[in-house]
Amino acid sequence: MGDILSPTSNQKDEFDVKEVADIFPKYYILKINNFDDVAKDTLDEWIYFLKNSEIKDDFKAKGLDEAREKMRYENLDKKSKLIYNRFQEGVRIEKSVIYTAENDKARQIAKNLKNAGVSSQIISQTTGLSEEEINNL
């Protein structure tokens, strides 16, 4: 119909752009079947992964470590995934318990220092608690 997509006045102000294309990323189509499986740079490492569903140990491209871990997880059988998920939940709980214990310890130290007449600013620097948290003790 000949309509041209233009940014709204809010988009023009917020993003300092003149055209919609200046806001949104560009997309590329990669023909991975034409790739010769020789990774010369990090882009080639990603293309190799996309084509072969494999990440070689010597690949260093940003994000491939996360993709490798996700691939390992996805290749687990159902029982192994359940065991892994339970383990991860245990790790999260353990970290939460440790964080809570450390925070409780910091709060107790702050309370003792406050009772001893130490300033909130010094207590904050010492314990890592905010002055507001210290004043609320």
Protein backbone atom coordinates (compact mmCIF):
# COMPACT_ATOMS: atom_id res chain seq x y z
CA MET A 1 0.00 0.00 0.00
CA GLY A 2 3.05 2.22 -0.08
CA ASP A 3 3.06 2.77 3.70
CA ILE A 4 6.44 3.46 5.25
CA LEU A 5 7.12 2.33 8.80
CA SER A 6 8.45 5.28 10.76
CA PRO A 7 9.45 5.60 14.40
CA THR A 8 7.02 7.32 16.72
CA SER A 9 7.95 10.69 18.16
CA ASN A 10 8.67 8.95 21.48
CA GLN A 11 11.02 6.49 19.75
CA LYS A 12 12.75 9.36 17.94
CA ASP A 13 13.31 11.18 21.24
CA GLU A 14 14.19 8.15 23.35
CA PHE A 15 16.51 6.41 20.87
CA ASP A 16 17.72 9.47 18.94
CA VAL A 17 16.91 7.85 15.58
CA LYS A 18 15.38 8.90 12.28
CA GLU A 19 14.41 5.49 10.89
CA VAL A 20 12.98 2.33 12.43
CA ALA A 21 15.96 0.41 11.04
CA ASP A 22 18.16 2.42 13.42
CA ILE A 23 16.36 0.87 16.41
CA PHE A 24 16.16 -2.79 15.51
CA PRO A 25 19.13 -5.10 14.86
CA LYS A 26 20.05 -6.40 11.46
CA TYR A 27 19.49 -10.04 10.68
CA TYR A 28 21.79 -12.24 8.65
CA ILE A 29 21.11 -15.59 7.03
CA LEU A 30 24.04 -17.95 7.38
CA LYS A 31 24.27 -20.81 4.90
CA ILE A 32 25.91 -23.26 7.26
CA ASN A 33 25.83 -26.13 4.77
CA ASN A 34 28.38 -24.22 2.65
CA PHE A 35 30.75 -24.04 5.62
CA ASP A 36 33.84 -26.26 5.21
CA ASP A 37 34.06 -27.23 8.93
CA VAL A 38 37.33 -25.34 9.40
CA ALA A 39 37.02 -22.82 12.22
CA LYS A 40 39.39 -19.93 11.56
CA ASP A 41 37.76 -17.46 13.96
CA THR A 42 35.06 -17.26 16.61
CA LEU A 43 32.25 -16.80 14.09
CA ASP A 44 33.42 -19.99 12.37
CA GLU A 45 33.29 -21.75 15.77
CA TRP A 46 29.64 -20.79 16.14
CA ILE A 47 28.86 -21.86 12.58
CA TYR A 48 30.60 -25.21 13.22
CA PHE A 49 28.44 -25.66 16.33
CA LEU A 50 25.23 -24.77 14.46
CA LYS A 51 26.06 -27.14 11.60
CA ASN A 52 27.39 -30.10 13.60
CA SER A 53 25.73 -29.74 17.03
CA GLU A 54 29.20 -30.13 18.50
CA ILE A 55 31.60 -27.79 20.28
CA LYS A 56 35.26 -28.72 20.11
CA ASP A 57 37.30 -28.41 23.31
CA ASP A 58 39.60 -25.75 21.83
CA PHE A 59 36.76 -23.42 20.78
CA LYS A 60 36.87 -20.11 22.66
CA ALA A 61 34.02 -18.03 21.18
CA LYS A 62 32.01 -16.03 23.69
CA GLY A 63 28.89 -17.91 24.77
CA LEU A 64 30.03 -21.34 23.61
CA ASP A 65 30.78 -22.48 27.17
CA GLU A 66 27.15 -21.83 28.09
CA ALA A 67 26.00 -23.59 24.91
CA ARG A 68 28.25 -26.55 25.76
CA GLU A 69 26.73 -26.86 29.24
CA LYS A 70 23.20 -26.58 27.84
CA MET A 71 24.01 -29.25 25.25
CA ARG A 72 25.39 -31.58 27.95
CA TYR A 73 22.20 -31.12 29.94
CA GLU A 74 19.95 -31.69 26.93
CA ASN A 75 21.80 -34.94 26.14
CA LEU A 76 21.09 -36.37 29.61
CA ASP A 77 18.39 -39.01 29.96
CA LYS A 78 15.27 -38.18 31.97
CA LYS A 79 16.53 -39.77 35.19
CA SER A 80 19.91 -38.00 34.98
CA LYS A 81 18.17 -34.66 34.37
CA LEU A 82 16.06 -35.22 37.49
CA ILE A 83 19.17 -36.02 39.55
CA TYR A 84 20.98 -32.97 38.13
CA ASN A 85 18.02 -30.68 38.85
CA ARG A 86 17.81 -31.96 42.44
CA PHE A 87 21.54 -31.34 42.84
CA GLN A 88 21.19 -27.78 41.49
CA GLU A 89 18.26 -27.13 43.84
CA GLY A 90 20.42 -28.38 46.73
CA VAL A 91 23.20 -25.98 45.70
CA ARG A 92 20.73 -23.08 45.58
CA ILE A 93 19.38 -23.97 49.03
CA GLU A 94 22.90 -24.27 50.43
CA LYS A 95 23.88 -20.86 49.04
CA SER A 96 20.70 -19.37 50.47
CA VAL A 97 21.40 -20.85 53.91
CA ILE A 98 24.98 -19.54 53.84
CA TYR A 99 23.83 -16.08 52.71
CA THR A 100 21.19 -15.97 55.44
CA ALA A 101 23.69 -17.07 58.10
CA GLU A 102 26.23 -14.48 56.96
CA ASN A 103 23.58 -11.76 56.90
CA ASP A 104 22.34 -12.75 60.37
CA LYS A 105 25.95 -12.66 61.64
CA ALA A 106 26.50 -9.20 60.09
CA ARG A 107 23.26 -7.97 61.67
CA GLN A 108 24.29 -9.32 65.09
CA ILE A 109 27.71 -7.65 64.82
CA ALA A 110 26.02 -4.41 63.73
CA LYS A 111 23.64 -4.62 66.70
CA ASN A 112 26.57 -5.12 69.10
CA LEU A 113 28.51 -2.22 67.57
CA LYS A 114 25.43 0.00 67.68
CA ASN A 115 24.93 -0.84 71.37
CA ALA A 116 28.58 0.04 71.95
CA GLY A 117 27.95 3.50 70.51
CA VAL A 118 29.74 3.09 67.16
CA SER A 119 28.39 5.34 64.39
CA SER A 120 26.08 3.88 61.72
CA GLN A 121 28.53 4.95 59.01
CA ILE A 122 31.40 2.95 60.53
CA ILE A 123 29.11 -0.03 61.20
CA SER A 124 27.99 0.10 57.56
CA GLN A 125 31.59 0.14 56.33
CA THR A 126 32.47 -2.73 58.65
CA THR A 127 29.50 -5.03 58.06
CA GLY A 128 28.40 -4.15 54.54
CA LEU A 129 24.89 -3.40 55.75
CA SER A 130 23.24 -0.17 54.69
CA GLU A 131 22.90 2.63 57.23
CA GLU A 132 19.12 2.29 56.90
CA GLU A 133 19.32 -1.41 57.88
CA ILE A 134 21.52 -0.49 60.84
CA ASN A 135 19.14 2.23 62.01
CA ASN A 136 16.26 -0.26 61.86
CA LEU A 137 18.01 -2.73 64.19
